[in-house]
Amino acid sequence: MDLKEIEQLIADGHIAEAEAATGNADTPEALYLRGRIAWKRGDRAAAISAYNAAAEADPEGPGAIALEQARAIMDFFNHDLYNP
């Protein structure tokens, strides 16, 4: 199964199928997809770890972009939500 098909499975909510499709491959693309799967499940730590591994393997790939975006989301702090 190719990258686009697995991304479509993730988008459609077929997480278990997408995870099975990534297999045990340690390519940057597979690591990135595992990160997306973990993020979709709500496991932010596992997602960031997978994105980091993907970014180390391919600094210009989608894992690096996803890692940057995940860090930005995790660093977001809205003062109005905590100090009414």
PDB file of N, CA and C in Angstrom:
ATOM      1  N   MET A   1       0.855  -1.177   0.000  1.00  0.00           N
ATOM      2  CA  MET A   1       0.000   0.000   0.000  1.00  0.00           C
ATOM      3  C   MET A   1       0.900   1.238   0.000  1.00  0.00           C
ATOM      4  N   ASP A   2       0.524   2.229  -0.777  1.00  0.00           N
ATOM      5  CA  ASP A   2       1.368   3.414  -0.875  1.00  0.00           C
ATOM      6  C   ASP A   2       0.961   4.479   0.155  1.00  0.00           C
ATOM      7  N   LEU A   3       1.774   5.512   0.217  1.00  0.00           N
ATOM      8  CA  LEU A   3       1.612   6.587   1.197  1.00  0.00           C
ATOM      9  C   LEU A   3       0.233   7.231   1.128  1.00  0.00           C
ATOM     10  N   LYS A   4      -0.242   7.536  -0.053  1.00  0.00           N
ATOM     11  CA  LYS A   4      -1.542   8.206  -0.214  1.00  0.00           C
ATOM     12  C   LYS A   4      -2.686   7.332   0.277  1.00  0.00           C
ATOM     13  N   GLU A   5      -2.614   6.043   0.015  1.00  0.00           N
ATOM     14  CA  GLU A   5      -3.675   5.130   0.457  1.00  0.00           C
ATOM     15  C   GLU A   5      -3.715   5.046   1.983  1.00  0.00           C
ATOM     16  N   ILE A   6      -2.546   5.001   2.596  1.00  0.00           N
ATOM     17  CA  ILE A   6      -2.496   4.943   4.064  1.00  0.00           C
ATOM     18  C   ILE A   6      -2.992   6.256   4.656  1.00  0.00           C
ATOM     19  N   GLU A   7      -2.605   7.387   4.061  1.00  0.00           N
ATOM     20  CA  GLU A   7      -3.103   8.680   4.534  1.00  0.00           C
ATOM     21  C   GLU A   7      -4.617   8.759   4.423  1.00  0.00           C
ATOM     22  N   GLN A   8      -5.173   8.181   3.374  1.00  0.00           N
ATOM     23  CA  GLN A   8      -6.625   8.181   3.207  1.00  0.00           C
ATOM     24  C   GLN A   8      -7.285   7.320   4.275  1.00  0.00           C
ATOM     25  N   LEU A   9      -6.679   6.194   4.615  1.00  0.00           N
ATOM     26  CA  LEU A   9      -7.211   5.349   5.695  1.00  0.00           C
ATOM     27  C   LEU A   9      -7.245   6.127   7.008  1.00  0.00           C
ATOM     28  N   ILE A  10      -6.178   6.867   7.282  1.00  0.00           N
ATOM     29  CA  ILE A  10      -6.113   7.666   8.511  1.00  0.00           C
ATOM     30  C   ILE A  10      -7.201   8.731   8.489  1.00  0.00           C
ATOM     31  N   ALA A  11      -7.340   9.421   7.372  1.00  0.00           N
ATOM     32  CA  ALA A  11      -8.350  10.479   7.249  1.00  0.00           C
ATOM     33  C   ALA A  11      -9.764   9.927   7.411  1.00  0.00           C
ATOM     34  N   ASP A  12      -9.979   8.710   6.932  1.00  0.00           N
ATOM     35  CA  ASP A  12     -11.304   8.088   7.025  1.00  0.00           C
ATOM     36  C   ASP A  12     -11.559   7.444   8.378  1.00  0.00           C
ATOM     37  N   GLY A  13     -10.549   7.452   9.262  1.00  0.00           N
ATOM     38  CA  GLY A  13     -10.728   6.896  10.596  1.00  0.00           C
ATOM     39  C   GLY A  13     -10.464   5.406  10.702  1.00  0.00           C
ATOM     40  N   HIS A  14      -9.880   4.817   9.682  1.00  0.00           N
ATOM     41  CA  HIS A  14      -9.547   3.391   9.713  1.00  0.00           C
ATOM     42  C   HIS A  14      -8.130   3.229  10.271  1.00  0.00           C
ATOM     43  N   ILE A  15      -7.995   3.536  11.544  1.00  0.00           N
ATOM     44  CA  ILE A  15      -6.687   3.606  12.184  1.00  0.00           C
ATOM     45  C   ILE A  15      -5.999   2.249  12.249  1.00  0.00           C
ATOM     46  N   ALA A  16      -6.721   1.214  12.633  1.00  0.00           N
ATOM     47  CA  ALA A  16      -6.113  -0.111  12.747  1.00  0.00           C
ATOM     48  C   ALA A  16      -5.605  -0.601  11.389  1.00  0.00           C
ATOM     49  N   GLU A  17      -6.376  -0.360  10.338  1.00  0.00           N
ATOM     50  CA  GLU A  17      -5.953  -0.760   8.993  1.00  0.00           C
ATOM     51  C   GLU A  17      -4.713   0.026   8.557  1.00  0.00           C
ATOM     52  N   ALA A  18      -4.699   1.313   8.855  1.00  0.00           N
ATOM     53  CA  ALA A  18      -3.561   2.148   8.489  1.00  0.00           C
ATOM     54  C   ALA A  18      -2.311   1.691   9.225  1.00  0.00           C
ATOM     55  N   GLU A  19      -2.465   1.370  10.503  1.00  0.00           N
ATOM     56  CA  GLU A  19      -1.319   0.906  11.291  1.00  0.00           C
ATOM     57  C   GLU A  19      -0.781  -0.406  10.741  1.00  0.00           C
ATOM     58  N   ALA A  20      -1.671  -1.316  10.382  1.00  0.00           N
ATOM     59  CA  ALA A  20      -1.244  -2.587   9.805  1.00  0.00           C
ATOM     60  C   ALA A  20      -0.545  -2.370   8.474  1.00  0.00           C
ATOM     61  N   ALA A  21      -0.998  -1.387   7.708  1.00  0.00           N
ATOM     62  CA  ALA A  21      -0.416  -1.131   6.393  1.00  0.00           C
ATOM     63  C   ALA A  21       1.000  -0.566   6.476  1.00  0.00           C
ATOM     64  N   THR A  22       1.319   0.127   7.574  1.00  0.00           N
ATOM     65  CA  THR A  22       2.680   0.663   7.709  1.00  0.00           C
ATOM     66  C   THR A  22       3.675  -0.445   8.003  1.00  0.00           C
ATOM     67  N   GLY A  23       3.209  -1.547   8.575  1.00  0.00           N
ATOM     68  CA  GLY A  23       4.094  -2.677   8.854  1.00  0.00           C
ATOM     69  C   GLY A  23       5.188  -2.323   9.838  1.00  0.00           C
ATOM     70  N   ASN A  24       6.329  -2.958   9.684  1.00  0.00           N
ATOM     71  CA  ASN A  24       7.471  -2.720  10.570  1.00  0.00           C
ATOM     72  C   ASN A  24       8.545  -1.873   9.899  1.00  0.00           C
ATOM     73  N   ALA A  25       8.204  -1.254   8.803  1.00  0.00           N
ATOM     74  CA  ALA A  25       9.183  -0.466   8.059  1.00  0.00           C
ATOM     75  C   ALA A  25       9.671   0.710   8.904  1.00  0.00           C
ATOM     76  N   ASP A  26      10.945   1.027   8.773  1.00  0.00           N
ATOM     77  CA  ASP A  26      11.527   2.163   9.485  1.00  0.00           C
ATOM     78  C   ASP A  26      11.927   3.274   8.523  1.00  0.00           C
ATOM     79  N   THR A  27      11.210   3.375   7.423  1.00  0.00           N
ATOM     80  CA  THR A  27      11.467   4.458   6.483  1.00  0.00           C
ATOM     81  C   THR A  27      10.922   5.756   7.066  1.00  0.00           C
ATOM     82  N   PRO A  28      11.418   6.889   6.634  1.00  0.00           N
ATOM     83  CA  PRO A  28      10.882   8.162   7.139  1.00  0.00           C
ATOM     84  C   PRO A  28       9.375   8.289   6.919  1.00  0.00           C
ATOM     85  N   GLU A  29       8.891   7.777   5.784  1.00  0.00           N
ATOM     86  CA  GLU A  29       7.464   7.858   5.495  1.00  0.00           C
ATOM     87  C   GLU A  29       6.651   7.015   6.470  1.00  0.00           C
ATOM     88  N   ALA A  30       7.123   5.806   6.765  1.00  0.00           N
ATOM     89  CA  ALA A  30       6.421   4.935   7.703  1.00  0.00           C
ATOM     90  C   ALA A  30       6.426   5.532   9.109  1.00  0.00           C
ATOM     91  N   LEU A  31       7.544   6.116   9.508  1.00  0.00           N
ATOM     92  CA  LEU A  31       7.617   6.755  10.827  1.00  0.00           C
ATOM     93  C   LEU A  31       6.660   7.937  10.910  1.00  0.00           C
ATOM     94  N   TYR A  32       6.608   8.721   9.841  1.00  0.00           N
ATOM     95  CA  TYR A  32       5.675   9.852   9.789  1.00  0.00           C
ATOM     96  C   TYR A  32       4.230   9.371   9.921  1.00  0.00           C
ATOM     97  N   LEU A  33       3.894   8.320   9.189  1.00  0.00           N
ATOM     98  CA  LEU A  33       2.522   7.796   9.240  1.00  0.00           C
ATOM     99  C   LEU A  33       2.197   7.232  10.621  1.00  0.00           C
ATOM    100  N   ARG A  34       3.168   6.581  11.259  1.00  0.00           N
ATOM    101  CA  ARG A  34       2.932   6.106  12.627  1.00  0.00           C
ATOM    102  C   ARG A  34       2.681   7.279  13.569  1.00  0.00           C
ATOM    103  N   GLY A  35       3.359   8.382  13.324  1.00  0.00           N
ATOM    104  CA  GLY A  35       3.121   9.588  14.113  1.00  0.00           C
ATOM    105  C   GLY A  35       1.717  10.122  13.914  1.00  0.00           C
ATOM    106  N   ARG A  36       1.248  10.135  12.670  1.00  0.00           N
ATOM    107  CA  ARG A  36      -0.120  10.579  12.395  1.00  0.00           C
ATOM    108  C   ARG A  36      -1.134   9.678  13.071  1.00  0.00           C
ATOM    109  N   ILE A  37      -0.869   8.376  13.046  1.00  0.00           N
ATOM    110  CA  ILE A  37      -1.773   7.417  13.689  1.00  0.00           C
ATOM    111  C   ILE A  37      -1.809   7.666  15.191  1.00  0.00           C
ATOM    112  N   ALA A  38      -0.639   7.848  15.800  1.00  0.00           N
ATOM    113  CA  ALA A  38      -0.579   8.105  17.243  1.00  0.00           C
ATOM    114  C   ALA A  38      -1.283   9.412  17.590  1.00  0.00           C
ATOM    115  N   TRP A  39      -1.108  10.440  16.770  1.00  0.00           N
ATOM    116  CA  TRP A  39      -1.764  11.731  17.017  1.00  0.00           C
ATOM    117  C   TRP A  39      -3.275  11.568  16.949  1.00  0.00           C
ATOM    118  N   LYS A  40      -3.734  10.811  15.966  1.00  0.00           N
ATOM    119  CA  LYS A  40      -5.169  10.576  15.791  1.00  0.00           C
ATOM    120  C   LYS A  40      -5.744   9.849  17.002  1.00  0.00           C
ATOM    121  N   ARG A  41      -4.960   8.970  17.593  1.00  0.00           N
ATOM    122  CA  ARG A  41      -5.395   8.237  18.795  1.00  0.00           C
ATOM    123  C   ARG A  41      -5.315   9.084  20.062  1.00  0.00           C
ATOM    124  N   GLY A  42      -4.660  10.224  19.975  1.00  0.00           N
ATOM    125  CA  GLY A  42      -4.532  11.091  21.139  1.00  0.00           C
ATOM    126  C   GLY A  42      -3.256  10.867  21.919  1.00  0.00           C
ATOM    127  N   ASP A  43      -2.362  10.039  21.405  1.00  0.00           N
ATOM    128  CA  ASP A  43      -1.084   9.759  22.068  1.00  0.00           C
ATOM    129  C   ASP A  43      -0.045  10.734  21.532  1.00  0.00           C
ATOM    130  N   ARG A  44      -0.052  11.938  22.078  1.00  0.00           N
ATOM    131  CA  ARG A  44       0.809  13.009  21.583  1.00  0.00           C
ATOM    132  C   ARG A  44       2.295  12.679  21.750  1.00  0.00           C
ATOM    133  N   ALA A  45       2.671  12.064  22.858  1.00  0.00           N
ATOM    134  CA  ALA A  45       4.078  11.740  23.096  1.00  0.00           C
ATOM    135  C   ALA A  45       4.601  10.761  22.044  1.00  0.00           C
ATOM    136  N   ALA A  46       3.841   9.725  21.747  1.00  0.00           N
ATOM    137  CA  ALA A  46       4.254   8.747  20.738  1.00  0.00           C
ATOM    138  C   ALA A  46       4.304   9.403  19.360  1.00  0.00           C
ATOM    139  N   ALA A  47       3.375  10.291  19.087  1.00  0.00           N
ATOM    140  CA  ALA A  47       3.356  10.973  17.793  1.00  0.00           C
ATOM    141  C   ALA A  47       4.601  11.836  17.621  1.00  0.00           C
ATOM    142  N   ILE A  48       4.933  12.607  18.638  1.00  0.00           N
ATOM    143  CA  ILE A  48       6.102  13.472  18.559  1.00  0.00           C
ATOM    144  C   ILE A  48       7.376  12.640  18.446  1.00  0.00           C
ATOM    145  N   SER A  49       7.437  11.514  19.135  1.00  0.00           N
ATOM    146  CA  SER A  49       8.603  10.630  19.021  1.00  0.00           C
ATOM    147  C   SER A  49       8.736  10.089  17.601  1.00  0.00           C
ATOM    148  N   ALA A  50       7.633   9.682  17.009  1.00  0.00           N
ATOM    149  CA  ALA A  50       7.666   9.163  15.645  1.00  0.00           C
ATOM    150  C   ALA A  50       8.026  10.267  14.652  1.00  0.00           C
ATOM    151  N   TYR A  51       7.461  11.459  14.836  1.00  0.00           N
ATOM    152  CA  TYR A  51       7.801  12.576  13.968  1.00  0.00           C
ATOM    153  C   TYR A  51       9.288  12.927  14.088  1.00  0.00           C
ATOM    154  N   ASN A  52       9.796  12.886  15.307  1.00  0.00           N
ATOM    155  CA  ASN A  52      11.211  13.192  15.534  1.00  0.00           C
ATOM    156  C   ASN A  52      12.110  12.188  14.821  1.00  0.00           C
ATOM    157  N   ALA A  53      11.768  10.907  14.922  1.00  0.00           N
ATOM    158  CA  ALA A  53      12.547   9.872  14.236  1.00  0.00           C
ATOM    159  C   ALA A  53      12.483  10.059  12.728  1.00  0.00           C
ATOM    160  N   ALA A  54      11.316  10.411  12.215  1.00  0.00           N
ATOM    161  CA  ALA A  54      11.169  10.650  10.777  1.00  0.00           C
ATOM    162  C   ALA A  54      11.979  11.872  10.351  1.00  0.00           C
ATOM    163  N   ALA A  55      11.980  12.910  11.176  1.00  0.00           N
ATOM    164  CA  ALA A  55      12.727  14.128  10.858  1.00  0.00           C
ATOM    165  C   ALA A  55      14.233  13.883  10.888  1.00  0.00           C
ATOM    166  N   GLU A  56      14.691  13.031  11.791  1.00  0.00           N
ATOM    167  CA  GLU A  56      16.118  12.700  11.832  1.00  0.00           C
ATOM    168  C   GLU A  56      16.524  11.927  10.577  1.00  0.00           C
ATOM    169  N   ALA A  57      15.660  11.046  10.116  1.00  0.00           N
ATOM    170  CA  ALA A  57      15.961  10.244   8.933  1.00  0.00           C
ATOM    171  C   ALA A  57      15.872  11.077   7.657  1.00  0.00           C
ATOM    172  N   ASP A  58      14.945  12.035   7.615  1.00  0.00           N
ATOM    173  CA  ASP A  58      14.759  12.880   6.430  1.00  0.00           C
ATOM    174  C   ASP A  58      14.400  14.291   6.889  1.00  0.00           C
ATOM    175  N   PRO A  59      15.407  15.143   7.092  1.00  0.00           N
ATOM    176  CA  PRO A  59      15.158  16.487   7.616  1.00  0.00           C
ATOM    177  C   PRO A  59      14.276  17.376   6.738  1.00  0.00           C
ATOM    178  N   GLU A  60      14.089  17.016   5.490  1.00  0.00           N
ATOM    179  CA  GLU A  60      13.260  17.809   4.585  1.00  0.00           C
ATOM    180  C   GLU A  60      11.899  17.162   4.328  1.00  0.00           C
ATOM    181  N   GLY A  61      11.621  16.048   4.978  1.00  0.00           N
ATOM    182  CA  GLY A  61      10.404  15.296   4.710  1.00  0.00           C
ATOM    183  C   GLY A  61       9.211  15.743   5.532  1.00  0.00           C
ATOM    184  N   PRO A  62       8.095  15.039   5.362  1.00  0.00           N
ATOM    185  CA  PRO A  62       6.862  15.409   6.067  1.00  0.00           C
ATOM    186  C   PRO A  62       6.959  15.236   7.580  1.00  0.00           C
ATOM    187  N   GLY A  63       7.839  14.364   8.045  1.00  0.00           N
ATOM    188  CA  GLY A  63       8.003  14.190   9.488  1.00  0.00           C
ATOM    189  C   GLY A  63       8.543  15.436  10.151  1.00  0.00           C
ATOM    190  N   ALA A  64       9.459  16.124   9.475  1.00  0.00           N
ATOM    191  CA  ALA A  64      10.022  17.357  10.026  1.00  0.00           C
ATOM    192  C   ALA A  64       8.960  18.443  10.119  1.00  0.00           C
ATOM    193  N   ILE A  65       8.132  18.534   9.106  1.00  0.00           N
ATOM    194  CA  ILE A  65       7.055  19.528   9.110  1.00  0.00           C
ATOM    195  C   ILE A  65       6.039  19.204  10.199  1.00  0.00           C
ATOM    196  N   ALA A  66       5.674  17.925  10.308  1.00  0.00           N
ATOM    197  CA  ALA A  66       4.714  17.508  11.329  1.00  0.00           C
ATOM    198  C   ALA A  66       5.265  17.738  12.726  1.00  0.00           C
ATOM    199  N   LEU A  67       6.566  17.510  12.912  1.00  0.00           N
ATOM    200  CA  LEU A  67       7.186  17.743  14.217  1.00  0.00           C
ATOM    201  C   LEU A  67       7.110  19.213  14.588  1.00  0.00           C
ATOM    202  N   GLU A  68       7.414  20.077  13.639  1.00  0.00           N
ATOM    203  CA  GLU A  68       7.337  21.523  13.880  1.00  0.00           C
ATOM    204  C   GLU A  68       5.907  21.939  14.243  1.00  0.00           C
ATOM    205  N   GLN A  69       4.935  21.413  13.518  1.00  0.00           N
ATOM    206  CA  GLN A  69       3.541  21.757  13.784  1.00  0.00           C
ATOM    207  C   GLN A  69       3.078  21.203  15.136  1.00  0.00           C
ATOM    208  N   ALA A  70       3.482  19.993  15.462  1.00  0.00           N
ATOM    209  CA  ALA A  70       3.094  19.394  16.743  1.00  0.00           C
ATOM    210  C   ALA A  70       3.672  20.193  17.900  1.00  0.00           C
ATOM    211  N   ARG A  71       4.918  20.615  17.764  1.00  0.00           N
ATOM    212  CA  ARG A  71       5.530  21.429  18.824  1.00  0.00           C
ATOM    213  C   ARG A  71       4.818  22.767  18.970  1.00  0.00           C
ATOM    214  N   ALA A  72       4.413  23.352  17.863  1.00  0.00           N
ATOM    215  CA  ALA A  72       3.686  24.624  17.920  1.00  0.00           C
ATOM    216  C   ALA A  72       2.349  24.447  18.628  1.00  0.00           C
ATOM    217  N   ILE A  73       1.675  23.359  18.361  1.00  0.00           N
ATOM    218  CA  ILE A  73       0.396  23.079  19.026  1.00  0.00           C
ATOM    219  C   ILE A  73       0.607  22.864  20.515  1.00  0.00           C
ATOM    220  N   MET A  74       1.627  22.107  20.858  1.00  0.00           N
ATOM    221  CA  MET A  74       1.881  21.802  22.268  1.00  0.00           C
ATOM    222  C   MET A  74       2.349  23.049  23.034  1.00  0.00           C
ATOM    223  N   ASP A  75       2.999  23.980  22.351  1.00  0.00           N
ATOM    224  CA  ASP A  75       3.482  25.204  22.998  1.00  0.00           C
ATOM    225  C   ASP A  75       2.417  26.281  23.120  1.00  0.00           C
ATOM    226  N   PHE A  76       1.275  26.099  22.454  1.00  0.00           N
ATOM    227  CA  PHE A  76       0.237  27.116  22.472  1.00  0.00           C
ATOM    228  C   PHE A  76      -0.327  27.274  23.877  1.00  0.00           C
ATOM    229  N   PHE A  77      -0.496  28.503  24.286  1.00  0.00           N
ATOM    230  CA  PHE A  77      -1.061  28.813  25.601  1.00  0.00           C
ATOM    231  C   PHE A  77      -1.932  30.044  25.442  1.00  0.00           C
ATOM    232  N   ASN A  78      -3.197  29.913  25.788  1.00  0.00           N
ATOM    233  CA  ASN A  78      -4.127  31.028  25.696  1.00  0.00           C
ATOM    234  C   ASN A  78      -4.425  31.500  27.117  1.00  0.00           C
ATOM    235  N   HIS A  79      -3.939  32.671  27.460  1.00  0.00           N
ATOM    236  CA  HIS A  79      -4.118  33.199  28.806  1.00  0.00           C
ATOM    237  C   HIS A  79      -5.591  33.396  29.163  1.00  0.00           C
ATOM    238  N   ASP A  80      -6.422  33.695  28.192  1.00  0.00           N
ATOM    239  CA  ASP A  80      -7.831  33.931  28.441  1.00  0.00           C
ATOM    240  C   ASP A  80      -8.563  32.669  28.913  1.00  0.00           C
ATOM    241  N   LEU A  81      -8.069  31.518  28.526  1.00  0.00           N
ATOM    242  CA  LEU A  81      -8.717  30.271  28.946  1.00  0.00           C
ATOM    243  C   LEU A  81      -8.462  29.965  30.424  1.00  0.00           C
ATOM    244  N   TYR A  82      -7.396  30.494  30.976  1.00  0.00           N
ATOM    245  CA  TYR A  82      -7.037  30.190  32.356  1.00  0.00           C
ATOM    246  C   TYR A  82      -7.220  31.337  33.319  1.00  0.00           C
ATOM    247  N   ASN A  83      -7.399  32.537  32.802  1.00  0.00           N
ATOM    248  CA  ASN A  83      -7.564  33.720  33.649  1.00  0.00           C
ATOM    249  C   ASN A  83      -8.772  34.530  33.164  1.00  0.00           C
ATOM    250  N   PRO A  84      -9.975  34.086  33.513  1.00  0.00           N
ATOM    251  CA  PRO A  84     -11.157  34.814  33.013  1.00  0.00           C
ATOM    252  C   PRO A  84     -11.287  36.218  33.560  1.00  0.00           C
TER     253      PRO A  84
END
